[in-house]
Amino acid sequence: MAQTILLFQADREKEKAITQICRTRKIALYKVAPKDYEQKMGFLAKIKGFEKEAAVYRGAALPAEMLVFSGMNSEQVDGFLQEYKNSGNAPIGLKAVLTQYNVFWTPLRLFEELRKEHQSVRK
């Protein structure tokens, strides 16, 4: 499986830093548009066996940024995150690794789950 990062709603400076890191590390980067929020995460990550859903999302964009790693082990994710931290950009609060479970979720569901986890950790 190819190393891939799915990026949602990052500002221009963060996107620029992430793009540069992906280029040097040979990681595929996909900036996910709101119209694709009805697609399964596996399809967005270009995982074999996932087909495009007919539904098109017409709602608002995610209210916060999110970064999703696919096909990367913990060492690769940690290396990417360390390099991103070294870029001096503010952290991206919601991050996930694609798993055998969330690969079937839509970005909207993953975002809600991450937001709930993030809020419970902050309490």
PDB file of N, CA and C in Angstrom:
ATOM      1  N   MET A   1       0.834  -1.172   0.000  1.00  0.00           N
ATOM      2  CA  MET A   1       0.000   0.000   0.000  1.00  0.00           C
ATOM      3  C   MET A   1       0.886   1.245   0.000  1.00  0.00           C
ATOM      4  N   ALA A   2       0.563   2.190  -0.845  1.00  0.00           N
ATOM      5  CA  ALA A   2       1.357   3.410  -0.967  1.00  0.00           C
ATOM      6  C   ALA A   2       1.177   4.312   0.256  1.00  0.00           C
ATOM      7  N   GLN A   3       2.229   5.003   0.610  1.00  0.00           N
ATOM      8  CA  GLN A   3       2.145   5.985   1.690  1.00  0.00           C
ATOM      9  C   GLN A   3       1.348   7.177   1.185  1.00  0.00           C
ATOM     10  N   THR A   4       0.300   7.522   1.931  1.00  0.00           N
ATOM     11  CA  THR A   4      -0.599   8.582   1.513  1.00  0.00           C
ATOM     12  C   THR A   4      -1.019   9.403   2.720  1.00  0.00           C
ATOM     13  N   ILE A   5      -1.172  10.704   2.498  1.00  0.00           N
ATOM     14  CA  ILE A   5      -1.744  11.586   3.510  1.00  0.00           C
ATOM     15  C   ILE A   5      -2.945  12.272   2.891  1.00  0.00           C
ATOM     16  N   LEU A   6      -4.048  12.261   3.636  1.00  0.00           N
ATOM     17  CA  LEU A   6      -5.255  12.987   3.242  1.00  0.00           C
ATOM     18  C   LEU A   6      -5.320  14.242   4.100  1.00  0.00           C
ATOM     19  N   LEU A   7      -5.466  15.375   3.453  1.00  0.00           N
ATOM     20  CA  LEU A   7      -5.452  16.665   4.138  1.00  0.00           C
ATOM     21  C   LEU A   7      -6.805  17.345   3.975  1.00  0.00           C
ATOM     22  N   PHE A   8      -7.348  17.804   5.093  1.00  0.00           N
ATOM     23  CA  PHE A   8      -8.644  18.472   5.108  1.00  0.00           C
ATOM     24  C   PHE A   8      -8.503  19.852   5.742  1.00  0.00           C
ATOM     25  N   GLN A   9      -8.894  20.867   5.043  1.00  0.00           N
ATOM     26  CA  GLN A   9      -9.075  22.218   5.557  1.00  0.00           C
ATOM     27  C   GLN A   9      -7.851  22.903   6.159  1.00  0.00           C
ATOM     28  N   ALA A  10      -6.662  22.618   5.735  1.00  0.00           N
ATOM     29  CA  ALA A  10      -5.484  23.284   6.289  1.00  0.00           C
ATOM     30  C   ALA A  10      -5.311  24.658   5.635  1.00  0.00           C
ATOM     31  N   ASP A  11      -4.768  25.600   6.405  1.00  0.00           N
ATOM     32  CA  ASP A  11      -4.514  26.916   5.826  1.00  0.00           C
ATOM     33  C   ASP A  11      -3.323  26.833   4.867  1.00  0.00           C
ATOM     34  N   ARG A  12      -3.101  27.905   4.136  1.00  0.00           N
ATOM     35  CA  ARG A  12      -2.099  27.920   3.066  1.00  0.00           C
ATOM     36  C   ARG A  12      -0.691  27.595   3.562  1.00  0.00           C
ATOM     37  N   GLU A  13      -0.304  28.154   4.698  1.00  0.00           N
ATOM     38  CA  GLU A  13       1.059  27.920   5.203  1.00  0.00           C
ATOM     39  C   GLU A  13       1.263  26.468   5.647  1.00  0.00           C
ATOM     40  N   LYS A  14       0.286  25.919   6.324  1.00  0.00           N
ATOM     41  CA  LYS A  14       0.388  24.526   6.749  1.00  0.00           C
ATOM     42  C   LYS A  14       0.394  23.605   5.531  1.00  0.00           C
ATOM     43  N   GLU A  15      -0.468  23.898   4.579  1.00  0.00           N
ATOM     44  CA  GLU A  15      -0.532  23.084   3.357  1.00  0.00           C
ATOM     45  C   GLU A  15       0.799  23.118   2.615  1.00  0.00           C
ATOM     46  N   LYS A  16       1.406  24.274   2.568  1.00  0.00           N
ATOM     47  CA  LYS A  16       2.698  24.426   1.891  1.00  0.00           C
ATOM     48  C   LYS A  16       3.772  23.569   2.574  1.00  0.00           C
ATOM     49  N   ALA A  17       3.816  23.613   3.899  1.00  0.00           N
ATOM     50  CA  ALA A  17       4.799  22.819   4.649  1.00  0.00           C
ATOM     51  C   ALA A  17       4.551  21.326   4.453  1.00  0.00           C
ATOM     52  N   ILE A  18       3.289  20.914   4.538  1.00  0.00           N
ATOM     53  CA  ILE A  18       2.939  19.499   4.375  1.00  0.00           C
ATOM     54  C   ILE A  18       3.279  19.023   2.972  1.00  0.00           C
ATOM     55  N   THR A  19       2.986  19.845   1.972  1.00  0.00           N
ATOM     56  CA  THR A  19       3.305  19.495   0.583  1.00  0.00           C
ATOM     57  C   THR A  19       4.805  19.277   0.415  1.00  0.00           C
ATOM     58  N   GLN A  20       5.602  20.157   0.989  1.00  0.00           N
ATOM     59  CA  GLN A  20       7.060  20.039   0.868  1.00  0.00           C
ATOM     60  C   GLN A  20       7.576  18.776   1.552  1.00  0.00           C
ATOM     61  N   ILE A  21       7.083  18.487   2.738  1.00  0.00           N
ATOM     62  CA  ILE A  21       7.516  17.286   3.460  1.00  0.00           C
ATOM     63  C   ILE A  21       7.118  16.037   2.676  1.00  0.00           C
ATOM     64  N   CYS A  22       5.907  16.015   2.160  1.00  0.00           N
ATOM     65  CA  CYS A  22       5.450  14.862   1.368  1.00  0.00           C
ATOM     66  C   CYS A  22       6.330  14.673   0.138  1.00  0.00           C
ATOM     67  N   ARG A  23       6.691  15.758  -0.498  1.00  0.00           N
ATOM     68  CA  ARG A  23       7.539  15.679  -1.699  1.00  0.00           C
ATOM     69  C   ARG A  23       8.893  15.065  -1.359  1.00  0.00           C
ATOM     70  N   THR A  24       9.525  15.526  -0.274  1.00  0.00           N
ATOM     71  CA  THR A  24      10.848  15.001   0.072  1.00  0.00           C
ATOM     72  C   THR A  24      10.790  13.562   0.566  1.00  0.00           C
ATOM     73  N   ARG A  25       9.688  13.175   1.191  1.00  0.00           N
ATOM     74  CA  ARG A  25       9.547  11.815   1.721  1.00  0.00           C
ATOM     75  C   ARG A  25       8.837  10.869   0.753  1.00  0.00           C
ATOM     76  N   LYS A  26       8.481  11.386  -0.411  1.00  0.00           N
ATOM     77  CA  LYS A  26       7.798  10.585  -1.444  1.00  0.00           C
ATOM     78  C   LYS A  26       6.485   9.984  -0.929  1.00  0.00           C
ATOM     79  N   ILE A  27       5.699  10.844  -0.299  1.00  0.00           N
ATOM     80  CA  ILE A  27       4.373  10.476   0.212  1.00  0.00           C
ATOM     81  C   ILE A  27       3.345  11.148  -0.685  1.00  0.00           C
ATOM     82  N   ALA A  28       2.352  10.397  -1.118  1.00  0.00           N
ATOM     83  CA  ALA A  28       1.274  10.980  -1.921  1.00  0.00           C
ATOM     84  C   ALA A  28       0.411  11.848  -1.011  1.00  0.00           C
ATOM     85  N   LEU A  29       0.072  13.037  -1.476  1.00  0.00           N
ATOM     86  CA  LEU A  29      -0.763  13.955  -0.708  1.00  0.00           C
ATOM     87  C   LEU A  29      -2.021  14.262  -1.493  1.00  0.00           C
ATOM     88  N   TYR A  30      -3.171  14.110  -0.835  1.00  0.00           N
ATOM     89  CA  TYR A  30      -4.447  14.432  -1.457  1.00  0.00           C
ATOM     90  C   TYR A  30      -5.175  15.434  -0.582  1.00  0.00           C
ATOM     91  N   LYS A  31      -5.469  16.592  -1.155  1.00  0.00           N
ATOM     92  CA  LYS A  31      -6.261  17.604  -0.458  1.00  0.00           C
ATOM     93  C   LYS A  31      -7.718  17.282  -0.760  1.00  0.00           C
ATOM     94  N   VAL A  32      -8.450  16.886   0.243  1.00  0.00           N
ATOM     95  CA  VAL A  32      -9.821  16.412   0.063  1.00  0.00           C
ATOM     96  C   VAL A  32     -10.784  17.606   0.060  1.00  0.00           C
ATOM     97  N   ALA A  33     -11.557  17.699  -1.004  1.00  0.00           N
ATOM     98  CA  ALA A  33     -12.549  18.770  -1.158  1.00  0.00           C
ATOM     99  C   ALA A  33     -13.848  18.366  -0.454  1.00  0.00           C
ATOM    100  N   PRO A  34     -14.609  19.344   0.032  1.00  0.00           N
ATOM    101  CA  PRO A  34     -15.878  19.029   0.691  1.00  0.00           C
ATOM    102  C   PRO A  34     -16.818  18.159  -0.143  1.00  0.00           C
ATOM    103  N   LYS A  35     -16.820  18.298  -1.448  1.00  0.00           N
ATOM    104  CA  LYS A  35     -17.713  17.492  -2.287  1.00  0.00           C
ATOM    105  C   LYS A  35     -17.458  15.990  -2.115  1.00  0.00           C
ATOM    106  N   ASP A  36     -16.276  15.625  -1.622  1.00  0.00           N
ATOM    107  CA  ASP A  36     -15.904  14.214  -1.446  1.00  0.00           C
ATOM    108  C   ASP A  36     -16.148  13.686  -0.028  1.00  0.00           C
ATOM    109  N   TYR A  37     -16.820  14.437   0.823  1.00  0.00           N
ATOM    110  CA  TYR A  37     -17.037  14.014   2.205  1.00  0.00           C
ATOM    111  C   TYR A  37     -17.989  12.825   2.338  1.00  0.00           C
ATOM    112  N   GLU A  38     -18.701  12.439   1.270  1.00  0.00           N
ATOM    113  CA  GLU A  38     -19.576  11.258   1.314  1.00  0.00           C
ATOM    114  C   GLU A  38     -18.832   9.986   0.897  1.00  0.00           C
ATOM    115  N   GLN A  39     -17.585  10.125   0.466  1.00  0.00           N
ATOM    116  CA  GLN A  39     -16.782   8.979   0.044  1.00  0.00           C
ATOM    117  C   GLN A  39     -16.210   8.265   1.265  1.00  0.00           C
ATOM    118  N   LYS A  40     -15.932   7.003   1.124  1.00  0.00           N
ATOM    119  CA  LYS A  40     -15.279   6.248   2.195  1.00  0.00           C
ATOM    120  C   LYS A  40     -13.791   6.640   2.228  1.00  0.00           C
ATOM    121  N   MET A  41     -13.223   6.595   3.403  1.00  0.00           N
ATOM    122  CA  MET A  41     -11.811   6.950   3.569  1.00  0.00           C
ATOM    123  C   MET A  41     -10.922   6.057   2.699  1.00  0.00           C
ATOM    124  N   GLY A  42     -11.277   4.786   2.572  1.00  0.00           N
ATOM    125  CA  GLY A  42     -10.503   3.871   1.733  1.00  0.00           C
ATOM    126  C   GLY A  42     -10.464   4.310   0.283  1.00  0.00           C
ATOM    127  N   PHE A  43     -11.577   4.810  -0.226  1.00  0.00           N
ATOM    128  CA  PHE A  43     -11.603   5.315  -1.604  1.00  0.00           C
ATOM    129  C   PHE A  43     -10.716   6.545  -1.726  1.00  0.00           C
ATOM    130  N   LEU A  44     -10.827   7.462  -0.769  1.00  0.00           N
ATOM    131  CA  LEU A  44     -10.033   8.693  -0.815  1.00  0.00           C
ATOM    132  C   LEU A  44      -8.534   8.396  -0.750  1.00  0.00           C
ATOM    133  N   ALA A  45      -8.170   7.350  -0.023  1.00  0.00           N
ATOM    134  CA  ALA A  45      -6.760   6.956   0.101  1.00  0.00           C
ATOM    135  C   ALA A  45      -6.307   6.072  -1.060  1.00  0.00           C
ATOM    136  N   LYS A  46      -7.219   5.838  -2.009  1.00  0.00           N
ATOM    137  CA  LYS A  46      -6.932   5.034  -3.202  1.00  0.00           C
ATOM    138  C   LYS A  46      -6.550   3.594  -2.864  1.00  0.00           C
ATOM    139  N   ILE A  47      -7.259   3.033  -1.889  1.00  0.00           N
ATOM    140  CA  ILE A  47      -7.036   1.642  -1.506  1.00  0.00           C
ATOM    141  C   ILE A  47      -7.843   0.748  -2.433  1.00  0.00           C
ATOM    142  N   LYS A  48      -7.171  -0.262  -2.951  1.00  0.00           N
ATOM    143  CA  LYS A  48      -7.810  -1.182  -3.889  1.00  0.00           C
ATOM    144  C   LYS A  48      -9.075  -1.795  -3.290  1.00  0.00           C
ATOM    145  N   GLY A  49     -10.126  -1.875  -4.109  1.00  0.00           N
ATOM    146  CA  GLY A  49     -11.375  -2.482  -3.685  1.00  0.00           C
ATOM    147  C   GLY A  49     -12.436  -1.480  -3.259  1.00  0.00           C
ATOM    148  N   PHE A  50     -12.065  -0.222  -3.103  1.00  0.00           N
ATOM    149  CA  PHE A  50     -13.029   0.804  -2.727  1.00  0.00           C
ATOM    150  C   PHE A  50     -13.501   1.531  -3.983  1.00  0.00           C
ATOM    151  N   GLU A  51     -14.811   1.603  -4.124  1.00  0.00           N
ATOM    152  CA  GLU A  51     -15.415   2.245  -5.288  1.00  0.00           C
ATOM    153  C   GLU A  51     -15.963   3.610  -4.910  1.00  0.00           C
ATOM    154  N   LYS A  52     -16.080   4.473  -5.897  1.00  0.00           N
ATOM    155  CA  LYS A  52     -16.635   5.810  -5.687  1.00  0.00           C
ATOM    156  C   LYS A  52     -18.131   5.711  -5.387  1.00  0.00           C
ATOM    157  N   GLU A  53     -18.560   6.411  -4.342  1.00  0.00           N
ATOM    158  CA  GLU A  53     -19.976   6.482  -3.982  1.00  0.00           C
ATOM    159  C   GLU A  53     -20.663   7.482  -4.906  1.00  0.00           C
ATOM    160  N   ALA A  54     -21.936   7.248  -5.200  1.00  0.00           N
ATOM    161  CA  ALA A  54     -22.686   8.149  -6.078  1.00  0.00           C
ATOM    162  C   ALA A  54     -23.010   9.477  -5.395  1.00  0.00           C
ATOM    163  N   ALA A  55     -23.145   9.457  -4.078  1.00  0.00           N
ATOM    164  CA  ALA A  55     -23.533  10.660  -3.337  1.00  0.00           C
ATOM    165  C   ALA A  55     -22.455  11.733  -3.406  1.00  0.00           C
ATOM    166  N   VAL A  56     -22.914  12.975  -3.493  1.00  0.00           N
ATOM    167  CA  VAL A  56     -22.016  14.130  -3.470  1.00  0.00           C
ATOM    168  C   VAL A  56     -22.435  15.002  -2.291  1.00  0.00           C
ATOM    169  N   TYR A  57     -21.501  15.329  -1.448  1.00  0.00           N
ATOM    170  CA  TYR A  57     -21.759  16.162  -0.281  1.00  0.00           C
ATOM    171  C   TYR A  57     -21.952  17.606  -0.714  1.00  0.00           C
ATOM    172  N   ARG A  58     -22.979  18.243  -0.197  1.00  0.00           N
ATOM    173  CA  ARG A  58     -23.264  19.628  -0.561  1.00  0.00           C
ATOM    174  C   ARG A  58     -23.287  20.559   0.655  1.00  0.00           C
ATOM    175  N   GLY A  59     -22.836  20.061   1.781  1.00  0.00           N
ATOM    176  CA  GLY A  59     -22.842  20.858   3.006  1.00  0.00           C
ATOM    177  C   GLY A  59     -21.572  21.683   3.164  1.00  0.00           C
ATOM    178  N   ALA A  60     -21.408  22.194   4.348  1.00  0.00           N
ATOM    179  CA  ALA A  60     -20.255  23.041   4.674  1.00  0.00           C
ATOM    180  C   ALA A  60     -18.984  22.196   4.813  1.00  0.00           C
ATOM    181  N   ALA A  61     -17.863  22.852   4.661  1.00  0.00           N
ATOM    182  CA  ALA A  61     -16.565  22.211   4.863  1.00  0.00           C
ATOM    183  C   ALA A  61     -16.403  21.882   6.348  1.00  0.00           C
ATOM    184  N   LEU A  62     -15.487  20.995   6.655  1.00  0.00           N
ATOM    185  CA  LEU A  62     -15.200  20.667   8.047  1.00  0.00           C
ATOM    186  C   LEU A  62     -14.837  21.959   8.789  1.00  0.00           C
ATOM    187  N   PRO A  63     -15.252  22.089  10.040  1.00  0.00           N
ATOM    188  CA  PRO A  63     -14.974  23.309  10.789  1.00  0.00           C
ATOM    189  C   PRO A  63     -13.544  23.399  11.342  1.00  0.00           C
ATOM    190  N   ALA A  64     -12.754  22.378  11.121  1.00  0.00           N
ATOM    191  CA  ALA A  64     -11.362  22.375  11.578  1.00  0.00           C
ATOM    192  C   ALA A  64     -10.546  21.491  10.639  1.00  0.00           C
ATOM    193  N   GLU A  65      -9.252  21.623  10.729  1.00  0.00           N
ATOM    194  CA  GLU A  65      -8.376  20.839   9.857  1.00  0.00           C
ATOM    195  C   GLU A  65      -8.200  19.422  10.399  1.00  0.00           C
ATOM    196  N   MET A  66      -7.864  18.521   9.486  1.00  0.00           N
ATOM    197  CA  MET A  66      -7.681  17.114   9.842  1.00  0.00           C
ATOM    198  C   MET A  66      -6.627  16.522   8.903  1.00  0.00           C
ATOM    199  N   LEU A  67      -5.812  15.641   9.450  1.00  0.00           N
ATOM    200  CA  LEU A  67      -4.749  14.973   8.704  1.00  0.00           C
ATOM    201  C   LEU A  67      -4.916  13.471   8.916  1.00  0.00           C
ATOM    202  N   VAL A  68      -4.946  12.692   7.817  1.00  0.00           N
ATOM    203  CA  VAL A  68      -5.142  11.244   7.919  1.00  0.00           C
ATOM    204  C   VAL A  68      -4.005  10.536   7.188  1.00  0.00           C
ATOM    205  N   PHE A  69      -3.367   9.597   7.876  1.00  0.00           N
ATOM    206  CA  PHE A  69      -2.232   8.854   7.339  1.00  0.00           C
ATOM    207  C   PHE A  69      -2.690   7.475   6.884  1.00  0.00           C
ATOM    208  N   SER A  70      -2.244   7.068   5.704  1.00  0.00           N
ATOM    209  CA  SER A  70      -2.592   5.747   5.173  1.00  0.00           C
ATOM    210  C   SER A  70      -1.331   5.077   4.637  1.00  0.00           C
ATOM    211  N   GLY A  71      -1.193   3.781   4.925  1.00  0.00           N
ATOM    212  CA  GLY A  71      -0.054   3.023   4.422  1.00  0.00           C
ATOM    213  C   GLY A  71       1.267   3.397   5.066  1.00  0.00           C
ATOM    214  N   MET A  72       1.210   3.975   6.256  1.00  0.00           N
ATOM    215  CA  MET A  72       2.421   4.414   6.946  1.00  0.00           C
ATOM    216  C   MET A  72       2.475   3.749   8.319  1.00  0.00           C
ATOM    217  N   ASN A  73       3.664   3.270   8.691  1.00  0.00           N
ATOM    218  CA  ASN A  73       3.816   2.696  10.029  1.00  0.00           C
ATOM    219  C   ASN A  73       4.079   3.817  11.038  1.00  0.00           C
ATOM    220  N   SER A  74       4.113   3.468  12.315  1.00  0.00           N
ATOM    221  CA  SER A  74       4.244   4.500  13.354  1.00  0.00           C
ATOM    222  C   SER A  74       5.559   5.281  13.234  1.00  0.00           C
ATOM    223  N   GLU A  75       6.612   4.621  12.825  1.00  0.00           N
ATOM    224  CA  GLU A  75       7.898   5.309  12.649  1.00  0.00           C
ATOM    225  C   GLU A  75       7.807   6.357  11.529  1.00  0.00           C
ATOM    226  N   GLN A  76       7.148   6.007  10.433  1.00  0.00           N
ATOM    227  CA  GLN A  76       6.985   6.941   9.316  1.00  0.00           C
ATOM    228  C   GLN A  76       6.091   8.118   9.704  1.00  0.00           C
ATOM    229  N   VAL A  77       5.005   7.838  10.431  1.00  0.00           N
ATOM    230  CA  VAL A  77       4.115   8.905  10.894  1.00  0.00           C
ATOM    231  C   VAL A  77       4.862   9.824  11.852  1.00  0.00           C
ATOM    232  N   ASP A  78       5.585   9.238  12.807  1.00  0.00           N
ATOM    233  CA  ASP A  78       6.350  10.039  13.768  1.00  0.00           C
ATOM    234  C   ASP A  78       7.390  10.903  13.064  1.00  0.00           C
ATOM    235  N   GLY A  79       8.069  10.345  12.066  1.00  0.00           N
ATOM    236  CA  GLY A  79       9.066  11.109  11.315  1.00  0.00           C
ATOM    237  C   GLY A  79       8.437  12.281  10.581  1.00  0.00           C
ATOM    238  N   PHE A  80       7.286  12.028   9.967  1.00  0.00           N
ATOM    239  CA  PHE A  80       6.579  13.103   9.272  1.00  0.00           C
ATOM    240  C   PHE A  80       6.190  14.199  10.267  1.00  0.00           C
ATOM    241  N   LEU A  81       5.579  13.788  11.385  1.00  0.00           N
ATOM    242  CA  LEU A  81       5.119  14.770  12.373  1.00  0.00           C
ATOM    243  C   LEU A  81       6.270  15.565  12.977  1.00  0.00           C
ATOM    244  N   GLN A  82       7.414  14.920  13.187  1.00  0.00           N
ATOM    245  CA  GLN A  82       8.573  15.645  13.712  1.00  0.00           C
ATOM    246  C   GLN A  82       9.060  16.680  12.695  1.00  0.00           C
ATOM    247  N   GLU A  83       9.116  16.285  11.445  1.00  0.00           N
ATOM    248  CA  GLU A  83       9.541  17.225  10.407  1.00  0.00           C
ATOM    249  C   GLU A  83       8.544  18.379  10.285  1.00  0.00           C
ATOM    250  N   TYR A  84       7.258  18.080  10.399  1.00  0.00           N
ATOM    251  CA  TYR A  84       6.250  19.134  10.354  1.00  0.00           C
ATOM    252  C   TYR A  84       6.427  20.083  11.549  1.00  0.00           C
ATOM    253  N   LYS A  85       6.657  19.530  12.729  1.00  0.00           N
ATOM    254  CA  LYS A  85       6.872  20.357  13.919  1.00  0.00           C
ATOM    255  C   LYS A  85       8.076  21.277  13.721  1.00  0.00           C
ATOM    256  N   ASN A  86       9.128  20.723  13.126  1.00  0.00           N
ATOM    257  CA  ASN A  86      10.344  21.501  12.880  1.00  0.00           C
ATOM    258  C   ASN A  86      10.128  22.630  11.871  1.00  0.00           C
ATOM    259  N   SER A  87       9.044  22.546  11.090  1.00  0.00           N
ATOM    260  CA  SER A  87       8.758  23.589  10.096  1.00  0.00           C
ATOM    261  C   SER A  87       8.284  24.878  10.764  1.00  0.00           C
ATOM    262  N   GLY A  88       7.915  24.786  12.047  1.00  0.00           N
ATOM    263  CA  GLY A  88       7.495  25.974  12.778  1.00  0.00           C
ATOM    264  C   GLY A  88       6.019  26.312  12.655  1.00  0.00           C
ATOM    265  N   ASN A  89       5.269  25.508  11.934  1.00  0.00           N
ATOM    266  CA  ASN A  89       3.831  25.753  11.800  1.00  0.00           C
ATOM    267  C   ASN A  89       3.095  25.248  13.029  1.00  0.00           C
ATOM    268  N   ALA A  90       1.942  25.852  13.290  1.00  0.00           N
ATOM    269  CA  ALA A  90       1.104  25.403  14.404  1.00  0.00           C
ATOM    270  C   ALA A  90       0.652  23.970  14.144  1.00  0.00           C
ATOM    271  N   PRO A  91       0.483  23.193  15.200  1.00  0.00           N
ATOM    272  CA  PRO A  91       0.066  21.801  15.011  1.00  0.00           C
ATOM    273  C   PRO A  91      -1.343  21.684  14.423  1.00  0.00           C
ATOM    274  N   ILE A  92      -1.593  20.548  13.805  1.00  0.00           N
ATOM    275  CA  ILE A  92      -2.930  20.215  13.333  1.00  0.00           C
ATOM    276  C   ILE A  92      -3.542  19.342  14.421  1.00  0.00           C
ATOM    277  N   GLY A  93      -4.652  19.783  14.966  1.00  0.00           N
ATOM    278  CA  GLY A  93      -5.234  19.127  16.141  1.00  0.00           C
ATOM    279  C   GLY A  93      -5.772  17.737  15.900  1.00  0.00           C
ATOM    280  N   LEU A  94      -6.442  17.530  14.763  1.00  0.00           N
ATOM    281  CA  LEU A  94      -7.084  16.242  14.517  1.00  0.00           C
ATOM    282  C   LEU A  94      -6.257  15.421  13.522  1.00  0.00           C
ATOM    283  N   LYS A  95      -5.728  14.306  14.029  1.00  0.00           N
ATOM    284  CA  LYS A  95      -4.908  13.425  13.200  1.00  0.00           C
ATOM    285  C   LYS A  95      -5.350  11.991  13.430  1.00  0.00           C
ATOM    286  N   ALA A  96      -5.264  11.179  12.368  1.00  0.00           N
ATOM    287  CA  ALA A  96      -5.640   9.770  12.493  1.00  0.00           C
ATOM    288  C   ALA A  96      -4.807   8.938  11.539  1.00  0.00           C
ATOM    289  N   VAL A  97      -4.698   7.677  11.867  1.00  0.00           N
ATOM    290  CA  VAL A  97      -4.116   6.686  10.973  1.00  0.00           C
ATOM    291  C   VAL A  97      -5.277   5.835  10.484  1.00  0.00           C
ATOM    292  N   LEU A  98      -5.309   5.563   9.190  1.00  0.00           N
ATOM    293  CA  LEU A  98      -6.363   4.717   8.638  1.00  0.00           C
ATOM    294  C   LEU A  98      -6.203   3.306   9.190  1.00  0.00           C
ATOM    295  N   THR A  99      -7.307   2.743   9.674  1.00  0.00           N
ATOM    296  CA  THR A  99      -7.293   1.410  10.257  1.00  0.00           C
ATOM    297  C   THR A  99      -8.287   0.515   9.515  1.00  0.00           C
ATOM    298  N   GLN A 100      -8.321  -0.732   9.893  1.00  0.00           N
ATOM    299  CA  GLN A 100      -9.267  -1.663   9.274  1.00  0.00           C
ATOM    300  C   GLN A 100     -10.709  -1.287   9.596  1.00  0.00           C
ATOM    301  N   TYR A 101     -10.911  -0.445  10.580  1.00  0.00           N
ATOM    302  CA  TYR A 101     -12.260  -0.021  10.963  1.00  0.00           C
ATOM    303  C   TYR A 101     -12.652   1.302  10.301  1.00  0.00           C
ATOM    304  N   ASN A 102     -11.823   2.334  10.498  1.00  0.00           N
ATOM    305  CA  ASN A 102     -12.210   3.654   9.990  1.00  0.00           C
ATOM    306  C   ASN A 102     -12.038   3.801   8.478  1.00  0.00           C
ATOM    307  N   VAL A 103     -11.449   2.833   7.831  1.00  0.00           N
ATOM    308  CA  VAL A 103     -11.296   2.868   6.375  1.00  0.00           C
ATOM    309  C   VAL A 103     -12.664   2.857   5.680  1.00  0.00           C
ATOM    310  N   PHE A 104     -13.689   2.371   6.375  1.00  0.00           N
ATOM    311  CA  PHE A 104     -15.043   2.316   5.818  1.00  0.00           C
ATOM    312  C   PHE A 104     -15.872   3.549   6.180  1.00  0.00           C
ATOM    313  N   TRP A 105     -15.320   4.431   6.972  1.00  0.00           N
ATOM    314  CA  TRP A 105     -16.033   5.630   7.398  1.00  0.00           C
ATOM    315  C   TRP A 105     -15.907   6.731   6.355  1.00  0.00           C
ATOM    316  N   THR A 106     -16.804   7.704   6.450  1.00  0.00           N
ATOM    317  CA  THR A 106     -16.674   8.922   5.637  1.00  0.00           C
ATOM    318  C   THR A 106     -15.809   9.911   6.422  1.00  0.00           C
ATOM    319  N   PRO A 107     -15.279  10.928   5.749  1.00  0.00           N
ATOM    320  CA  PRO A 107     -14.536  11.958   6.478  1.00  0.00           C
ATOM    321  C   PRO A 107     -15.357  12.609   7.586  1.00  0.00           C
ATOM    322  N   LEU A 108     -16.663  12.773   7.360  1.00  0.00           N
ATOM    323  CA  LEU A 108     -17.520  13.389   8.369  1.00  0.00           C
ATOM    324  C   LEU A 108     -17.573  12.558   9.646  1.00  0.00           C
ATOM    325  N   ARG A 109     -17.699  11.241   9.490  1.00  0.00           N
ATOM    326  CA  ARG A 109     -17.743  10.369  10.668  1.00  0.00           C
ATOM    327  C   ARG A 109     -16.392  10.352  11.384  1.00  0.00           C
ATOM    328  N   LEU A 110     -15.313  10.261  10.623  1.00  0.00           N
ATOM    329  CA  LEU A 110     -13.982  10.255  11.228  1.00  0.00           C
ATOM    330  C   LEU A 110     -13.737  11.562  11.979  1.00  0.00           C
ATOM    331  N   PHE A 111     -14.117  12.665  11.375  1.00  0.00           N
ATOM    332  CA  PHE A 111     -13.947  13.973  12.007  1.00  0.00           C
ATOM    333  C   PHE A 111     -14.688  14.016  13.343  1.00  0.00           C
ATOM    334  N   GLU A 112     -15.931  13.553  13.358  1.00  0.00           N
ATOM    335  CA  GLU A 112     -16.722  13.576  14.599  1.00  0.00           C
ATOM    336  C   GLU A 112     -16.096  12.699  15.671  1.00  0.00           C
ATOM    337  N   GLU A 113     -15.622  11.517  15.290  1.00  0.00           N
ATOM    338  CA  GLU A 113     -14.976  10.631  16.263  1.00  0.00           C
ATOM    339  C   GLU A 113     -13.702  11.268  16.826  1.00  0.00           C
ATOM    340  N   LEU A 114     -12.895  11.856  15.964  1.00  0.00           N
ATOM    341  CA  LEU A 114     -11.658  12.502  16.414  1.00  0.00           C
ATOM    342  C   LEU A 114     -11.956  13.704  17.311  1.00  0.00           C
ATOM    343  N   ARG A 115     -12.976  14.459  16.943  1.00  0.00           N
ATOM    344  CA  ARG A 115     -13.354  15.638  17.730  1.00  0.00           C
ATOM    345  C   ARG A 115     -13.798  15.207  19.133  1.00  0.00           C
ATOM    346  N   LYS A 116     -14.579  14.134  19.212  1.00  0.00           N
ATOM    347  CA  LYS A 116     -15.027  13.619  20.517  1.00  0.00           C
ATOM    348  C   LYS A 116     -13.835  13.173  21.361  1.00  0.00           C
ATOM    349  N   GLU A 117     -12.910  12.424  20.740  1.00  0.00           N
ATOM    350  CA  GLU A 117     -11.709  11.966  21.451  1.00  0.00           C
ATOM    351  C   GLU A 117     -10.886  13.157  21.938  1.00  0.00           C
ATOM    352  N   HIS A 118     -10.711  14.132  21.045  1.00  0.00           N
ATOM    353  CA  HIS A 118      -9.901  15.303  21.353  1.00  0.00           C
ATOM    354  C   HIS A 118     -10.515  16.069  22.532  1.00  0.00           C
ATOM    355  N   GLN A 119     -11.838  16.205  22.557  1.00  0.00           N
ATOM    356  CA  GLN A 119     -12.509  16.908  23.641  1.00  0.00           C
ATOM    357  C   GLN A 119     -12.427  16.139  24.951  1.00  0.00           C
ATOM    358  N   SER A 120     -12.541  14.817  24.902  1.00  0.00           N
ATOM    359  CA  SER A 120     -12.481  14.033  26.137  1.00  0.00           C
ATOM    360  C   SER A 120     -11.071  14.043  26.734  1.00  0.00           C
ATOM    361  N   VAL A 121     -10.051  14.149  25.908  1.00  0.00           N
ATOM    362  CA  VAL A 121      -8.677  14.210  26.386  1.00  0.00           C
ATOM    363  C   VAL A 121      -8.407  15.560  27.049  1.00  0.00           C
ATOM    364  N   ARG A 122      -9.034  16.608  26.536  1.00  0.00           N
ATOM    365  CA  ARG A 122      -8.806  17.963  27.055  1.00  0.00           C
ATOM    366  C   ARG A 122      -9.517  18.203  28.379  1.00  0.00           C
ATOM    367  N   LYS A 123     -10.440  17.323  28.779  1.00  0.00           N
ATOM    368  CA  LYS A 123     -11.197  17.535  30.035  1.00  0.00           C
ATOM    369  C   LYS A 123     -10.381  17.159  31.240  1.00  0.00           C
TER     370      LYS A 123
END
